[in-house]
N, C-alpha and C. Protein backbone atom coordinates (compact mmCIF):
# COMPACT_ATOMS: atom_id res chain seq x y z
N UNK A 1 40.45 28.19 -43.12
CA UNK A 1 39.55 27.79 -43.06
C UNK A 1 39.56 28.35 -41.34
N UNK A 2 38.38 28.69 -40.99
CA UNK A 2 38.93 29.13 -38.77
C UNK A 2 37.53 28.13 -38.10
N UNK A 3 38.48 27.37 -37.22
CA UNK A 3 38.10 25.79 -36.76
C UNK A 3 37.81 27.06 -35.20
N UNK A 4 36.21 26.57 -34.97
CA UNK A 4 35.41 27.37 -34.28
C UNK A 4 35.98 25.79 -32.51
N UNK A 5 36.00 27.13 -31.95
CA UNK A 5 36.22 25.65 -30.76
C UNK A 5 35.41 23.88 -30.62
N UNK A 6 35.91 23.15 -29.99
CA UNK A 6 34.36 22.06 -30.10
C UNK A 6 33.88 22.60 -28.88
N UNK A 7 31.96 22.19 -28.73
CA UNK A 7 31.55 22.44 -28.31
C UNK A 7 30.73 20.77 -27.64
N UNK A 8 30.65 20.77 -26.43
CA UNK A 8 29.74 19.39 -26.30
C UNK A 8 28.72 19.55 -26.16
N UNK A 9 28.30 17.74 -26.96
CA UNK A 9 26.96 17.18 -27.42
C UNK A 9 26.13 16.99 -26.73
N UNK A 10 25.24 16.90 -26.79
CA UNK A 10 23.70 16.24 -25.95
C UNK A 10 23.59 14.63 -27.01
N UNK A 11 24.03 13.92 -27.00
CA UNK A 11 23.89 12.52 -27.98
C UNK A 11 22.09 12.03 -28.03
N UNK A 12 22.12 11.66 -28.91
CA UNK A 12 20.12 10.82 -28.62
C UNK A 12 20.56 9.80 -26.82
N UNK A 13 21.30 9.19 -27.61
CA UNK A 13 21.30 7.32 -25.90
C UNK A 13 21.70 9.07 -24.69
N UNK A 14 22.17 10.15 -24.74
CA UNK A 14 22.30 10.32 -23.04
C UNK A 14 20.39 10.89 -23.14
N UNK A 15 20.06 11.34 -24.19
CA UNK A 15 18.82 11.69 -23.74
C UNK A 15 17.80 10.26 -23.30
N UNK A 16 17.78 9.26 -23.86
CA UNK A 16 17.40 7.82 -23.64
C UNK A 16 17.47 7.69 -22.35
N UNK A 17 18.87 7.56 -21.56
CA UNK A 17 19.53 7.03 -20.87
C UNK A 17 18.52 7.48 -20.16
N UNK A 18 18.54 9.14 -20.15
CA UNK A 18 18.21 9.97 -18.56
C UNK A 18 16.42 9.83 -18.77
N UNK A 19 16.14 9.59 -20.42
CA UNK A 19 14.46 9.35 -20.61
C UNK A 19 14.55 7.79 -19.28
N UNK A 20 14.86 6.99 -19.02
CA UNK A 20 15.34 5.30 -19.15
C UNK A 20 14.64 5.75 -16.97
N UNK A 21 16.31 6.58 -16.76
CA UNK A 21 16.20 6.91 -15.24
C UNK A 21 14.21 7.31 -14.56
N UNK A 22 14.56 8.84 -15.70
CA UNK A 22 12.92 8.98 -14.94
C UNK A 22 11.97 7.92 -14.85
N UNK A 23 12.21 7.51 -16.18
CA UNK A 23 10.81 6.50 -15.79
C UNK A 23 10.50 5.28 -14.25
N UNK A 24 11.61 4.83 -14.49
CA UNK A 24 12.14 4.21 -13.54
C UNK A 24 11.54 4.83 -12.43
N UNK A 25 12.77 6.17 -12.60
CA UNK A 25 11.99 7.03 -10.64
C UNK A 25 10.55 7.03 -10.25
N UNK A 26 10.02 7.37 -11.65
CA UNK A 26 8.25 8.40 -11.51
C UNK A 26 8.10 6.38 -10.83
N UNK A 27 8.29 5.27 -11.46
CA UNK A 27 7.47 3.72 -10.93
C UNK A 27 7.75 3.40 -9.92
N UNK A 28 9.04 3.83 -8.67
CA UNK A 28 9.70 3.16 -8.24
C UNK A 28 8.77 4.43 -6.72
N UNK A 29 7.95 5.30 -7.70
CA UNK A 29 8.67 6.14 -6.28
C UNK A 29 6.94 5.96 -6.77
N UNK A 30 5.76 6.40 -7.03
CA UNK A 30 4.48 5.60 -7.45
C UNK A 30 3.99 4.42 -6.10
N UNK A 31 5.49 3.70 -6.17
CA UNK A 31 5.40 2.71 -5.56
C UNK A 31 5.31 2.57 -4.08
N UNK A 32 5.98 3.96 -3.58
CA UNK A 32 6.27 4.14 -2.04
C UNK A 32 7.65 4.03 -1.61
N UNK A 33 8.35 3.97 -2.94
CA UNK A 33 10.44 3.35 -3.12
C UNK A 33 10.04 5.03 -2.65
N UNK A 34 12.14 4.57 -1.84
CA UNK A 34 12.78 6.29 -2.80
C UNK A 34 13.63 6.21 -3.10
N UNK A 35 14.25 7.01 -4.08
CA UNK A 35 15.57 5.96 -4.74
C UNK A 35 16.49 7.70 -4.64
N UNK A 36 17.62 7.08 -4.69
CA UNK A 36 19.00 9.26 -4.86
C UNK A 36 20.02 8.42 -6.13
N UNK A 37 19.16 9.39 -6.52
CA UNK A 37 19.31 9.90 -8.28
C UNK A 37 21.38 9.81 -8.60
N UNK A 38 21.58 8.91 -9.44
CA UNK A 38 23.44 8.69 -8.77
C UNK A 38 24.24 9.76 -10.36
N UNK A 39 24.92 11.31 -9.92
CA UNK A 39 25.50 12.31 -11.38
C UNK A 39 26.85 11.12 -11.44
N UNK A 40 26.38 11.92 -12.43
CA UNK A 40 28.08 11.52 -14.12
C UNK A 40 28.99 9.96 -12.95
N UNK A 41 28.32 8.65 -12.68
CA UNK A 41 28.45 7.45 -12.79
C UNK A 41 28.29 6.39 -13.90
N UNK A 42 28.99 6.03 -14.35
CA UNK A 42 28.72 5.49 -15.97
C UNK A 42 28.19 3.71 -15.11
N UNK A 43 27.33 3.24 -14.93
CA UNK A 43 27.24 1.90 -14.28
C UNK A 43 26.25 2.32 -13.85
N UNK A 44 26.05 2.47 -12.56
CA UNK A 44 25.28 3.49 -11.39
C UNK A 44 24.60 4.09 -11.78
N UNK A 45 22.99 3.98 -12.00
CA UNK A 45 21.48 5.10 -12.21
C UNK A 45 20.76 5.33 -10.34
N UNK A 46 20.81 4.48 -9.98
CA UNK A 46 20.20 4.77 -8.01
C UNK A 46 20.36 4.20 -7.93
N UNK A 47 19.69 4.39 -6.85
CA UNK A 47 19.07 4.23 -5.06
C UNK A 47 18.57 3.79 -5.37
N UNK A 48 17.96 2.30 -4.98
CA UNK A 48 16.44 1.86 -5.26
C UNK A 48 16.22 1.98 -3.59
N UNK A 49 15.36 2.25 -2.56
CA UNK A 49 15.60 1.80 -1.00
C UNK A 49 13.69 0.88 -1.00
N UNK A 50 13.76 0.14 -0.90
CA UNK A 50 12.16 -0.44 -0.51
C UNK A 50 11.65 -0.29 1.57
N UNK A 51 10.40 -1.29 1.02
CA UNK A 51 10.24 0.18 2.96
C UNK A 51 8.73 -1.85 2.73
N UNK A 52 9.03 -2.31 3.80
CA UNK A 52 8.06 -3.93 4.69
C UNK A 52 6.81 -2.82 5.14
N UNK A 53 4.83 -3.93 5.26
CA UNK A 53 4.49 -2.66 5.45
C UNK A 53 4.73 -2.06 6.02
N UNK A 54 5.16 -1.98 7.20
CA UNK A 54 5.23 -0.78 8.91
C UNK A 54 6.33 -0.34 7.83
N UNK A 55 6.71 0.74 7.20
CA UNK A 55 6.96 1.20 6.73
C UNK A 55 8.87 2.26 6.77
N UNK A 56 9.00 0.25 7.24
CA UNK A 56 11.17 0.18 8.39
C UNK A 56 11.52 -0.47 6.13
N UNK A 57 12.75 1.23 5.76
CA UNK A 57 13.45 -0.54 4.80
C UNK A 57 13.81 -1.03 5.17
N UNK A 58 13.36 -2.40 4.09
CA UNK A 58 13.35 -3.54 4.00
C UNK A 58 15.39 -4.07 3.76
N UNK A 59 15.92 -5.54 4.48
CA UNK A 59 17.50 -4.78 4.03
C UNK A 59 18.15 -5.36 2.00
N UNK A 60 18.97 -4.78 1.83
CA UNK A 60 18.81 -5.67 0.72
C UNK A 60 19.72 -5.18 -0.08
N UNK A 61 20.52 -5.74 -1.88
CA UNK A 61 21.93 -4.82 -1.51
C UNK A 61 21.65 -5.19 -3.67
């Protein structure tokens, strides 16, 4: 029996993770925040920056 080379598989968990990041990113942008999406970092998905009423970045972690 001939075996085909193993291909990458996109799992249901990967799809759900991407949809989750997309949802949070959309809500943040609608609220006037900025979002930096981190790719290929297991554990961190986004860096979110919030702003005060004068438009300055708020400090925090």
